[in-house]
Amino acid sequence: MITKMIVPQIERFANKYAYAKMSVNVFESVINSMIQKCRTSTGNQFVFVVNERLWFQIQRTLRDYLKDWRTNGTFFFSGEAGKDISVGATFDTYVYGGNQISFKVDKSFTLEYPNRGFGICLDLTGDKGKGQPAMMAFTIRGMEFIKNTIAGVGGLNGRTSGEVSSRVTGSYMVMYGSAGVGVFNPYRSHIIEENI
């Protein structure tokens, strides 16, 4: 799970922000914090991985933000001639000061933090000098892919006498792999959590 592999690496180094009510000011505070750790002040693209509760708070916040600016763009309603009208929008990106923050909802965060909003903002820009990505998956040598079989009555082919591992007439195969994730720039991240 992403929460068990990535969050502990990031928690030690990330800036943290506890919010009581989601607002555009929270996004802007996160972006301001993130650009302090970047080489340039503009042109940065950040990914904000959030749980479902925070995802829907972001949707309401950005909807209200556009309402306050009195926009009535076609992104709020659309329809073909003679058909029903669709109303609403999904907001997945926010741009501020020449920097972009994209929102991605992750089910593993929802399972780990079901009762409060939680998200991690990451700078996924790799190290261009070394050609190293911001995060990388690793496998454990010799454990990349392991295949085992459990023989039931009738053996693996269903017609063989001999030793069995199960009383069930049938066999099954177990496949297993082991991997981990390394975060190479954990300090270029920001955690926000709802203060309940």
N, C-alpha and C. Protein backbone atom coordinates (compact mmCIF):
# COMPACT_ATOMS: atom_id res chain seq x y z
N MET A 1 0.83 -1.19 0.00
CA MET A 1 0.00 0.00 0.00
C MET A 1 0.88 1.25 0.00
N ILE A 2 0.41 2.27 -0.70
CA ILE A 2 1.15 3.51 -0.81
C ILE A 2 1.37 4.15 0.56
N THR A 3 0.37 4.03 1.43
CA THR A 3 0.49 4.68 2.74
C THR A 3 1.58 4.05 3.59
N LYS A 4 1.80 2.75 3.46
CA LYS A 4 2.80 2.06 4.27
C LYS A 4 4.21 2.24 3.73
N MET A 5 4.36 2.53 2.44
CA MET A 5 5.69 2.64 1.85
C MET A 5 6.15 4.08 1.69
N ILE A 6 5.27 4.95 1.23
CA ILE A 6 5.69 6.31 0.88
C ILE A 6 5.54 7.29 2.03
N VAL A 7 4.41 7.24 2.74
CA VAL A 7 4.15 8.22 3.79
C VAL A 7 5.24 8.25 4.86
N PRO A 8 5.72 7.11 5.40
CA PRO A 8 6.77 7.19 6.42
C PRO A 8 8.06 7.85 5.93
N GLN A 9 8.40 7.68 4.64
CA GLN A 9 9.60 8.31 4.11
C GLN A 9 9.43 9.83 4.01
N ILE A 10 8.22 10.26 3.71
CA ILE A 10 7.96 11.68 3.51
C ILE A 10 7.73 12.41 4.83
N GLU A 11 7.08 11.75 5.79
CA GLU A 11 6.69 12.40 7.05
C GLU A 11 7.84 13.06 7.78
N ARG A 12 9.00 12.47 7.73
CA ARG A 12 10.15 13.02 8.47
C ARG A 12 10.60 14.38 7.94
N PHE A 13 10.42 14.61 6.64
CA PHE A 13 10.99 15.80 6.01
C PHE A 13 9.97 16.81 5.50
N ALA A 14 8.73 16.40 5.34
CA ALA A 14 7.72 17.26 4.72
C ALA A 14 7.28 18.37 5.66
N ASN A 15 6.90 19.51 5.07
CA ASN A 15 6.20 20.53 5.82
C ASN A 15 4.79 20.01 6.07
N LYS A 16 4.19 20.43 7.18
CA LYS A 16 2.86 19.94 7.52
C LYS A 16 1.93 21.11 7.77
N TYR A 17 0.67 20.91 7.39
CA TYR A 17 -0.33 21.96 7.54
C TYR A 17 -1.62 21.31 8.01
N ALA A 18 -2.18 21.77 9.12
CA ALA A 18 -3.47 21.29 9.62
C ALA A 18 -4.50 22.36 9.29
N TYR A 19 -5.56 21.97 8.61
CA TYR A 19 -6.58 22.93 8.22
C TYR A 19 -7.90 22.60 8.91
N ALA A 20 -8.66 23.64 9.23
CA ALA A 20 -9.98 23.45 9.81
C ALA A 20 -11.05 23.47 8.73
N LYS A 21 -10.86 24.34 7.73
CA LYS A 21 -11.80 24.45 6.61
C LYS A 21 -10.99 24.59 5.34
N MET A 22 -11.30 23.76 4.36
CA MET A 22 -10.57 23.81 3.09
C MET A 22 -10.91 25.10 2.36
N SER A 23 -9.88 25.74 1.83
CA SER A 23 -10.06 26.96 1.06
C SER A 23 -8.94 27.06 0.03
N VAL A 24 -9.09 27.99 -0.89
CA VAL A 24 -8.07 28.24 -1.90
C VAL A 24 -6.79 28.71 -1.22
N ASN A 25 -6.90 29.38 -0.10
CA ASN A 25 -5.72 29.85 0.63
C ASN A 25 -4.85 28.67 1.09
N VAL A 26 -5.48 27.53 1.37
CA VAL A 26 -4.71 26.34 1.76
C VAL A 26 -3.85 25.89 0.58
N PHE A 27 -4.44 25.82 -0.64
CA PHE A 27 -3.66 25.44 -1.83
C PHE A 27 -2.49 26.39 -2.02
N GLU A 28 -2.78 27.70 -1.89
CA GLU A 28 -1.75 28.69 -2.13
C GLU A 28 -0.64 28.61 -1.09
N SER A 29 -0.97 28.30 0.15
CA SER A 29 0.05 28.12 1.19
C SER A 29 0.93 26.92 0.87
N VAL A 30 0.31 25.83 0.40
CA VAL A 30 1.07 24.64 0.03
C VAL A 30 2.00 24.95 -1.14
N ILE A 31 1.49 25.63 -2.16
CA ILE A 31 2.32 25.98 -3.33
C ILE A 31 3.47 26.88 -2.91
N ASN A 32 3.20 27.88 -2.07
CA ASN A 32 4.27 28.76 -1.59
C ASN A 32 5.34 27.99 -0.84
N SER A 33 4.92 27.03 -0.03
CA SER A 33 5.87 26.20 0.70
C SER A 33 6.69 25.34 -0.25
N MET A 34 6.03 24.79 -1.26
CA MET A 34 6.71 23.90 -2.20
C MET A 34 7.73 24.65 -3.07
N ILE A 35 7.39 25.85 -3.52
CA ILE A 35 8.33 26.55 -4.43
C ILE A 35 9.58 27.02 -3.69
N GLN A 36 9.53 27.13 -2.38
CA GLN A 36 10.73 27.47 -1.62
C GLN A 36 11.79 26.37 -1.73
N LYS A 37 11.37 25.16 -2.08
CA LYS A 37 12.28 24.03 -2.18
C LYS A 37 12.65 23.72 -3.63
N CYS A 38 12.17 24.52 -4.57
CA CYS A 38 12.41 24.29 -5.99
C CYS A 38 13.48 25.25 -6.52
N ARG A 39 14.05 24.89 -7.66
CA ARG A 39 15.07 25.74 -8.28
C ARG A 39 14.48 27.02 -8.85
N THR A 40 13.25 26.95 -9.37
CA THR A 40 12.62 28.12 -9.98
C THR A 40 11.35 28.46 -9.22
N SER A 41 10.95 29.72 -9.33
CA SER A 41 9.74 30.18 -8.63
C SER A 41 8.48 29.99 -9.45
N THR A 42 8.61 29.74 -10.74
CA THR A 42 7.45 29.53 -11.60
C THR A 42 7.69 28.31 -12.49
N GLY A 43 6.62 27.84 -13.09
CA GLY A 43 6.72 26.72 -14.01
C GLY A 43 6.80 25.36 -13.34
N ASN A 44 6.54 25.29 -12.05
CA ASN A 44 6.59 24.02 -11.33
C ASN A 44 5.24 23.30 -11.41
N GLN A 45 5.29 21.99 -11.47
CA GLN A 45 4.08 21.18 -11.51
C GLN A 45 4.13 20.19 -10.35
N PHE A 46 3.16 20.31 -9.46
CA PHE A 46 3.09 19.46 -8.29
C PHE A 46 1.89 18.53 -8.39
N VAL A 47 1.99 17.37 -7.75
CA VAL A 47 0.89 16.42 -7.69
C VAL A 47 0.43 16.34 -6.24
N PHE A 48 -0.87 16.47 -6.05
CA PHE A 48 -1.46 16.42 -4.72
C PHE A 48 -2.28 15.14 -4.64
N VAL A 49 -1.76 14.11 -3.95
CA VAL A 49 -2.46 12.83 -3.79
C VAL A 49 -3.30 12.94 -2.52
N VAL A 50 -4.61 12.74 -2.65
CA VAL A 50 -5.54 12.99 -1.54
C VAL A 50 -6.48 11.81 -1.32
N ASN A 51 -7.10 11.77 -0.14
CA ASN A 51 -8.14 10.76 0.11
C ASN A 51 -9.47 11.31 -0.41
N GLU A 52 -10.51 10.47 -0.37
CA GLU A 52 -11.80 10.87 -0.94
C GLU A 52 -12.41 12.05 -0.21
N ARG A 53 -12.29 12.10 1.10
CA ARG A 53 -12.87 13.22 1.85
C ARG A 53 -12.26 14.55 1.41
N LEU A 54 -10.94 14.60 1.29
CA LEU A 54 -10.29 15.83 0.85
C LEU A 54 -10.61 16.12 -0.62
N TRP A 55 -10.72 15.07 -1.44
CA TRP A 55 -11.06 15.25 -2.86
C TRP A 55 -12.38 16.00 -3.00
N PHE A 56 -13.39 15.60 -2.23
CA PHE A 56 -14.69 16.25 -2.35
C PHE A 56 -14.68 17.64 -1.69
N GLN A 57 -13.85 17.84 -0.69
CA GLN A 57 -13.70 19.19 -0.13
C GLN A 57 -13.07 20.11 -1.17
N ILE A 58 -12.09 19.59 -1.92
CA ILE A 58 -11.45 20.38 -2.98
C ILE A 58 -12.47 20.71 -4.06
N GLN A 59 -13.31 19.75 -4.44
CA GLN A 59 -14.32 20.00 -5.47
C GLN A 59 -15.27 21.12 -5.05
N ARG A 60 -15.75 21.09 -3.80
CA ARG A 60 -16.65 22.15 -3.31
C ARG A 60 -15.93 23.49 -3.23
N THR A 61 -14.68 23.46 -2.78
CA THR A 61 -13.92 24.71 -2.64
C THR A 61 -13.73 25.39 -3.98
N LEU A 62 -13.32 24.62 -5.00
CA LEU A 62 -13.08 25.22 -6.31
C LEU A 62 -14.38 25.62 -6.99
N ARG A 63 -15.46 24.89 -6.75
CA ARG A 63 -16.77 25.30 -7.28
C ARG A 63 -17.18 26.65 -6.67
N ASP A 64 -17.02 26.78 -5.35
CA ASP A 64 -17.37 28.03 -4.69
C ASP A 64 -16.45 29.17 -5.11
N TYR A 65 -15.19 28.85 -5.36
CA TYR A 65 -14.22 29.85 -5.82
C TYR A 65 -14.67 30.44 -7.16
N LEU A 66 -15.08 29.59 -8.08
CA LEU A 66 -15.56 30.09 -9.37
C LEU A 66 -16.87 30.85 -9.23
N LYS A 67 -17.72 30.39 -8.32
CA LYS A 67 -19.00 31.08 -8.08
C LYS A 67 -18.72 32.50 -7.57
N ASP A 68 -17.75 32.64 -6.68
CA ASP A 68 -17.43 33.96 -6.14
C ASP A 68 -16.89 34.91 -7.21
N TRP A 69 -16.25 34.36 -8.24
CA TRP A 69 -15.75 35.17 -9.35
C TRP A 69 -16.83 35.42 -10.39
N ARG A 70 -18.03 34.92 -10.15
CA ARG A 70 -19.18 35.11 -11.01
C ARG A 70 -18.95 34.59 -12.43
N THR A 71 -18.34 33.43 -12.51
CA THR A 71 -18.13 32.83 -13.83
C THR A 71 -19.34 31.98 -14.19
N ASN A 72 -19.65 31.91 -15.44
CA ASN A 72 -20.71 31.00 -15.89
C ASN A 72 -20.23 30.33 -17.18
N GLY A 73 -19.03 29.80 -17.11
CA GLY A 73 -18.43 29.16 -18.27
C GLY A 73 -19.16 27.90 -18.67
N THR A 74 -18.90 27.45 -19.87
CA THR A 74 -19.57 26.27 -20.39
C THR A 74 -19.13 24.99 -19.67
N PHE A 75 -18.06 25.08 -18.84
CA PHE A 75 -17.66 23.89 -18.10
C PHE A 75 -18.66 23.51 -17.02
N PHE A 76 -19.59 24.41 -16.68
CA PHE A 76 -20.60 24.10 -15.68
C PHE A 76 -21.86 23.46 -16.26
N PHE A 77 -22.10 23.67 -17.51
CA PHE A 77 -23.28 23.06 -18.12
C PHE A 77 -23.01 22.80 -19.59
N SER A 78 -23.57 21.74 -20.10
CA SER A 78 -23.42 21.43 -21.51
C SER A 78 -24.57 20.53 -21.93
N GLY A 79 -24.84 20.53 -23.19
CA GLY A 79 -25.89 19.67 -23.71
C GLY A 79 -25.97 19.78 -25.21
N GLU A 80 -26.37 18.70 -25.82
CA GLU A 80 -26.57 18.71 -27.26
C GLU A 80 -28.01 19.14 -27.53
N ALA A 81 -28.24 19.63 -28.70
CA ALA A 81 -29.57 20.09 -29.07
C ALA A 81 -30.58 18.96 -28.92
N GLY A 82 -31.67 19.23 -28.19
CA GLY A 82 -32.72 18.24 -28.02
C GLY A 82 -32.42 17.19 -26.98
N LYS A 83 -31.31 17.30 -26.24
CA LYS A 83 -30.96 16.31 -25.22
C LYS A 83 -30.94 16.96 -23.85
N ASP A 84 -30.79 16.12 -22.82
CA ASP A 84 -30.75 16.63 -21.45
C ASP A 84 -29.49 17.46 -21.22
N ILE A 85 -29.57 18.34 -20.23
CA ILE A 85 -28.45 19.20 -19.87
C ILE A 85 -27.65 18.56 -18.74
N SER A 86 -26.33 18.50 -18.88
CA SER A 86 -25.45 18.04 -17.81
C SER A 86 -24.94 19.26 -17.06
N VAL A 87 -24.98 19.19 -15.73
CA VAL A 87 -24.56 20.32 -14.90
C VAL A 87 -23.46 19.85 -13.96
N GLY A 88 -22.43 20.66 -13.80
CA GLY A 88 -21.37 20.36 -12.86
C GLY A 88 -20.03 20.24 -13.54
N ALA A 89 -19.00 20.07 -12.73
CA ALA A 89 -17.64 19.98 -13.26
C ALA A 89 -16.77 19.21 -12.27
N THR A 90 -15.70 18.63 -12.79
CA THR A 90 -14.69 18.00 -11.95
C THR A 90 -13.44 18.85 -12.03
N PHE A 91 -12.94 19.27 -10.89
CA PHE A 91 -11.76 20.13 -10.84
C PHE A 91 -10.55 19.29 -10.47
N ASP A 92 -9.56 19.26 -11.35
CA ASP A 92 -8.39 18.41 -11.08
C ASP A 92 -7.08 19.19 -11.05
N THR A 93 -7.11 20.48 -11.33
CA THR A 93 -5.88 21.28 -11.34
C THR A 93 -6.17 22.70 -10.87
N TYR A 94 -5.21 23.28 -10.17
CA TYR A 94 -5.30 24.67 -9.75
C TYR A 94 -3.98 25.34 -10.10
N VAL A 95 -4.04 26.51 -10.72
CA VAL A 95 -2.84 27.24 -11.12
C VAL A 95 -2.75 28.51 -10.30
N TYR A 96 -1.55 28.77 -9.77
CA TYR A 96 -1.34 29.95 -8.92
C TYR A 96 0.10 30.42 -9.09
N GLY A 97 0.27 31.67 -9.44
CA GLY A 97 1.62 32.26 -9.54
C GLY A 97 2.53 31.55 -10.52
N GLY A 98 1.97 31.03 -11.60
CA GLY A 98 2.79 30.34 -12.59
C GLY A 98 3.15 28.92 -12.22
N ASN A 99 2.51 28.39 -11.18
CA ASN A 99 2.74 27.01 -10.75
C ASN A 99 1.43 26.25 -10.78
N GLN A 100 1.52 24.97 -11.02
CA GLN A 100 0.33 24.14 -11.18
C GLN A 100 0.31 23.03 -10.14
N ILE A 101 -0.86 22.81 -9.57
CA ILE A 101 -1.04 21.72 -8.62
C ILE A 101 -2.19 20.85 -9.14
N SER A 102 -1.92 19.56 -9.36
CA SER A 102 -2.93 18.63 -9.88
C SER A 102 -3.35 17.70 -8.77
N PHE A 103 -4.65 17.44 -8.69
CA PHE A 103 -5.21 16.62 -7.62
C PHE A 103 -5.51 15.22 -8.13
N LYS A 104 -5.09 14.21 -7.37
CA LYS A 104 -5.35 12.81 -7.69
C LYS A 104 -5.87 12.14 -6.43
N VAL A 105 -7.00 11.46 -6.55
CA VAL A 105 -7.58 10.77 -5.40
C VAL A 105 -7.02 9.35 -5.35
N ASP A 106 -6.70 8.89 -4.13
CA ASP A 106 -6.10 7.57 -3.95
C ASP A 106 -6.88 6.80 -2.88
N LYS A 107 -7.36 5.62 -3.25
CA LYS A 107 -8.18 4.81 -2.36
C LYS A 107 -7.42 4.36 -1.11
N SER A 108 -6.11 4.14 -1.23
CA SER A 108 -5.35 3.69 -0.06
C SER A 108 -5.31 4.77 1.02
N PHE A 109 -5.29 6.05 0.63
CA PHE A 109 -5.36 7.12 1.62
C PHE A 109 -6.73 7.13 2.29
N THR A 110 -7.77 6.84 1.52
CA THR A 110 -9.12 6.79 2.08
C THR A 110 -9.24 5.68 3.11
N LEU A 111 -8.64 4.53 2.83
CA LEU A 111 -8.69 3.42 3.79
C LEU A 111 -7.90 3.73 5.06
N GLU A 112 -6.79 4.41 4.91
CA GLU A 112 -5.93 4.72 6.06
C GLU A 112 -6.44 5.91 6.87
N TYR A 113 -7.05 6.89 6.20
CA TYR A 113 -7.55 8.11 6.85
C TYR A 113 -9.02 8.31 6.47
N PRO A 114 -9.94 7.48 6.99
CA PRO A 114 -11.34 7.55 6.53
C PRO A 114 -12.14 8.71 7.10
N ASN A 115 -11.74 9.26 8.26
CA ASN A 115 -12.59 10.23 8.96
C ASN A 115 -12.10 11.66 8.90
N ARG A 116 -11.00 11.91 8.19
CA ARG A 116 -10.50 13.28 8.08
C ARG A 116 -9.80 13.44 6.74
N GLY A 117 -9.80 14.67 6.24
CA GLY A 117 -9.12 14.94 4.98
C GLY A 117 -7.62 14.76 5.14
N PHE A 118 -6.98 14.14 4.14
CA PHE A 118 -5.54 13.91 4.19
C PHE A 118 -5.00 13.93 2.78
N GLY A 119 -3.85 14.57 2.61
CA GLY A 119 -3.22 14.59 1.30
C GLY A 119 -1.74 14.91 1.39
N ILE A 120 -1.01 14.46 0.37
CA ILE A 120 0.42 14.74 0.26
C ILE A 120 0.67 15.40 -1.08
N CYS A 121 1.31 16.55 -1.03
CA CYS A 121 1.71 17.26 -2.24
C CYS A 121 3.17 16.88 -2.53
N LEU A 122 3.43 16.44 -3.76
CA LEU A 122 4.76 15.97 -4.14
C LEU A 122 5.27 16.72 -5.36
N ASP A 123 6.55 16.97 -5.35
CA ASP A 123 7.23 17.47 -6.55
C ASP A 123 7.86 16.25 -7.21
N LEU A 124 7.30 15.84 -8.33
CA LEU A 124 7.79 14.63 -8.99
C LEU A 124 8.82 14.93 -10.06
N THR A 125 9.44 16.11 -10.00
CA THR A 125 10.52 16.43 -10.94
C THR A 125 11.73 15.60 -10.57
N GLY A 126 12.24 14.86 -11.54
CA GLY A 126 13.41 14.01 -11.30
C GLY A 126 14.70 14.80 -11.28
N ASP A 127 15.76 14.18 -10.86
CA ASP A 127 17.09 14.77 -10.87
C ASP A 127 17.63 14.67 -12.30
N LYS A 128 17.64 15.79 -13.00
CA LYS A 128 18.04 15.78 -14.40
C LYS A 128 19.53 15.51 -14.56
N GLY A 129 20.33 15.88 -13.58
CA GLY A 129 21.77 15.64 -13.65
C GLY A 129 22.12 14.16 -13.57
N LYS A 130 21.44 13.43 -12.68
CA LYS A 130 21.70 12.00 -12.50
C LYS A 130 20.74 11.13 -13.30
N GLY A 131 19.69 11.74 -13.86
CA GLY A 131 18.70 10.97 -14.58
C GLY A 131 17.87 10.08 -13.66
N GLN A 132 17.71 10.51 -12.42
CA GLN A 132 17.02 9.71 -11.42
C GLN A 132 15.61 10.28 -11.19
N PRO A 133 14.59 9.43 -11.18
CA PRO A 133 13.23 9.94 -10.93
C PRO A 133 13.05 10.35 -9.47
N ALA A 134 11.96 11.04 -9.18
CA ALA A 134 11.68 11.45 -7.81
C ALA A 134 11.33 10.25 -6.92
N MET A 135 10.67 9.25 -7.52
CA MET A 135 10.34 8.01 -6.81
C MET A 135 10.61 6.83 -7.73
N MET A 136 10.96 5.70 -7.13
CA MET A 136 11.23 4.52 -7.95
C MET A 136 10.83 3.27 -7.17
N ALA A 137 10.25 2.32 -7.90
CA ALA A 137 9.90 1.03 -7.30
C ALA A 137 11.10 0.09 -7.41
N PHE A 138 11.31 -0.69 -6.37
CA PHE A 138 12.40 -1.66 -6.33
C PHE A 138 11.82 -3.03 -6.02
N THR A 139 12.45 -4.06 -6.54
CA THR A 139 12.10 -5.42 -6.15
C THR A 139 13.24 -5.97 -5.31
N ILE A 140 12.94 -6.99 -4.54
CA ILE A 140 13.96 -7.65 -3.73
C ILE A 140 14.55 -8.78 -4.56
N ARG A 141 15.86 -8.81 -4.66
CA ARG A 141 16.54 -9.80 -5.50
C ARG A 141 16.10 -11.22 -5.14
N GLY A 142 15.69 -11.93 -6.18
CA GLY A 142 15.24 -13.30 -6.00
C GLY A 142 13.78 -13.42 -5.60
N MET A 143 13.14 -12.28 -5.26
CA MET A 143 11.74 -12.32 -4.85
C MET A 143 10.85 -11.52 -5.79
N GLU A 144 11.34 -11.26 -7.00
CA GLU A 144 10.56 -10.49 -7.96
C GLU A 144 9.27 -11.21 -8.31
N PHE A 145 9.37 -12.52 -8.51
CA PHE A 145 8.20 -13.31 -8.89
C PHE A 145 8.41 -14.74 -8.41
N ILE A 146 7.60 -15.16 -7.46
CA ILE A 146 7.70 -16.50 -6.89
C ILE A 146 6.39 -17.23 -7.18
N LYS A 147 6.51 -18.45 -7.67
CA LYS A 147 5.33 -19.25 -8.00
C LYS A 147 5.37 -20.55 -7.19
N ASN A 148 4.29 -20.83 -6.46
CA ASN A 148 4.17 -22.06 -5.69
C ASN A 148 2.87 -22.76 -6.07
N THR A 149 2.85 -24.07 -5.89
CA THR A 149 1.62 -24.83 -6.11
C THR A 149 1.30 -25.62 -4.86
N ILE A 150 0.01 -25.76 -4.61
CA ILE A 150 -0.47 -26.57 -3.50
C ILE A 150 -1.27 -27.71 -4.13
N ALA A 151 -0.77 -28.93 -3.97
CA ALA A 151 -1.40 -30.10 -4.59
C ALA A 151 -2.54 -30.60 -3.72
N GLY A 152 -3.70 -30.79 -4.34
CA GLY A 152 -4.84 -31.37 -3.66
C GLY A 152 -4.96 -32.84 -4.03
N VAL A 153 -6.06 -33.48 -3.61
CA VAL A 153 -6.30 -34.89 -3.94
C VAL A 153 -6.31 -35.02 -5.46
N GLY A 154 -5.51 -35.94 -5.98
CA GLY A 154 -5.37 -36.11 -7.42
C GLY A 154 -4.14 -35.41 -7.97
N GLY A 155 -3.37 -34.76 -7.11
CA GLY A 155 -2.14 -34.10 -7.54
C GLY A 155 -2.41 -32.86 -8.39
N LEU A 156 -1.38 -32.38 -9.05
CA LEU A 156 -1.50 -31.15 -9.84
C LEU A 156 -2.34 -31.34 -11.10
N ASN A 157 -2.37 -32.56 -11.63
CA ASN A 157 -3.16 -32.77 -12.85
C ASN A 157 -4.53 -33.39 -12.56
N GLY A 158 -4.84 -33.71 -11.29
CA GLY A 158 -6.13 -34.25 -10.93
C GLY A 158 -6.25 -35.76 -11.05
N ARG A 159 -5.21 -36.46 -11.50
CA ARG A 159 -5.27 -37.90 -11.71
C ARG A 159 -4.09 -38.65 -11.11
N THR A 160 -3.32 -38.03 -10.25
CA THR A 160 -2.10 -38.63 -9.73
C THR A 160 -2.26 -38.99 -8.26
N SER A 161 -1.77 -40.18 -7.88
CA SER A 161 -1.75 -40.59 -6.48
C SER A 161 -0.46 -40.07 -5.85
N GLY A 162 -0.45 -39.94 -4.55
CA GLY A 162 0.76 -39.53 -3.86
C GLY A 162 0.46 -38.51 -2.77
N GLU A 163 1.49 -37.85 -2.32
CA GLU A 163 1.40 -36.89 -1.23
C GLU A 163 0.62 -35.65 -1.67
N VAL A 164 -0.25 -35.14 -0.78
CA VAL A 164 -1.04 -33.95 -1.07
C VAL A 164 -0.88 -32.94 0.07
N SER A 165 -1.18 -31.70 -0.22
CA SER A 165 -1.11 -30.63 0.78
C SER A 165 -2.48 -30.16 1.23
N SER A 166 -3.52 -30.68 0.58
CA SER A 166 -4.88 -30.26 0.88
C SER A 166 -5.83 -31.43 0.68
N ARG A 167 -6.91 -31.48 1.46
CA ARG A 167 -7.90 -32.55 1.30
C ARG A 167 -8.87 -32.26 0.16
N VAL A 168 -8.81 -31.09 -0.36
CA VAL A 168 -9.71 -30.69 -1.44
C VAL A 168 -9.28 -31.36 -2.74
N THR A 169 -10.26 -31.81 -3.52
CA THR A 169 -9.95 -32.41 -4.83
C THR A 169 -9.73 -31.26 -5.80
N GLY A 170 -8.54 -30.85 -5.90
CA GLY A 170 -8.16 -29.73 -6.75
C GLY A 170 -6.91 -29.08 -6.20
N SER A 171 -6.16 -28.49 -7.06
CA SER A 171 -4.91 -27.83 -6.68
C SER A 171 -5.01 -26.35 -7.01
N TYR A 172 -4.14 -25.60 -6.43
CA TYR A 172 -4.10 -24.20 -6.83
C TYR A 172 -2.69 -23.66 -6.78
N MET A 173 -2.52 -22.55 -7.49
CA MET A 173 -1.21 -21.94 -7.63
C MET A 173 -1.19 -20.61 -6.88
N VAL A 174 -0.11 -20.33 -6.21
CA VAL A 174 0.08 -19.07 -5.49
C VAL A 174 1.24 -18.34 -6.15
N MET A 175 0.99 -17.10 -6.55
CA MET A 175 2.06 -16.28 -7.13
C MET A 175 2.27 -15.07 -6.22
N TYR A 176 3.53 -14.74 -6.04
CA TYR A 176 3.87 -13.71 -5.07
C TYR A 176 5.06 -12.91 -5.59
N GLY A 177 5.05 -11.63 -5.32
CA GLY A 177 6.18 -10.78 -5.65
C GLY A 177 6.38 -9.78 -4.54
N SER A 178 7.59 -9.33 -4.36
CA SER A 178 7.89 -8.39 -3.28
C SER A 178 8.57 -7.16 -3.86
N ALA A 179 8.08 -5.99 -3.48
CA ALA A 179 8.64 -4.74 -4.00
C ALA A 179 8.53 -3.64 -2.96
N GLY A 180 9.26 -2.60 -3.17
CA GLY A 180 9.22 -1.43 -2.30
C GLY A 180 9.35 -0.18 -3.15
N VAL A 181 9.19 0.98 -2.51
CA VAL A 181 9.28 2.26 -3.21
C VAL A 181 10.27 3.14 -2.47
N GLY A 182 11.15 3.78 -3.22
CA GLY A 182 12.10 4.73 -2.65
C GLY A 182 11.73 6.14 -3.07
N VAL A 183 11.65 7.06 -2.11
CA VAL A 183 11.38 8.47 -2.40
C VAL A 183 12.71 9.19 -2.28
N PHE A 184 13.24 9.70 -3.40
CA PHE A 184 14.57 10.29 -3.41
C PHE A 184 14.61 11.74 -2.96
N ASN A 185 13.49 12.44 -3.04
CA ASN A 185 13.43 13.83 -2.59
C ASN A 185 12.28 14.02 -1.61
N PRO A 186 12.31 13.37 -0.45
CA PRO A 186 11.17 13.48 0.46
C PRO A 186 10.99 14.88 1.04
N TYR A 187 12.05 15.69 1.01
CA TYR A 187 11.92 17.04 1.55
C TYR A 187 11.13 17.94 0.61
N ARG A 188 10.97 17.56 -0.64
CA ARG A 188 10.17 18.35 -1.58
C ARG A 188 8.73 17.84 -1.58
N SER A 189 8.11 17.92 -0.41
CA SER A 189 6.75 17.45 -0.25
C SER A 189 6.05 18.25 0.87
N HIS A 190 4.76 18.12 0.91
CA HIS A 190 3.97 18.85 1.90
C HIS A 190 2.77 17.98 2.28
N ILE A 191 2.49 17.83 3.55
CA ILE A 191 1.36 17.04 4.03
C ILE A 191 0.32 17.98 4.60
N ILE A 192 -0.94 17.77 4.20
CA ILE A 192 -2.02 18.50 4.85
C ILE A 192 -2.99 17.49 5.45
N GLU A 193 -3.55 17.88 6.59
CA GLU A 193 -4.46 16.99 7.31
C GLU A 193 -5.54 17.83 7.95
N GLU A 194 -6.76 17.33 7.86
CA GLU A 194 -7.89 18.04 8.44
C GLU A 194 -7.81 17.97 9.96
N ASN A 195 -8.00 19.12 10.59
CA ASN A 195 -7.93 19.22 12.04
C ASN A 195 -9.34 19.05 12.59
N ILE A 196 -9.65 17.84 13.07
CA ILE A 196 -11.01 17.56 13.56
C ILE A 196 -11.02 17.58 15.07
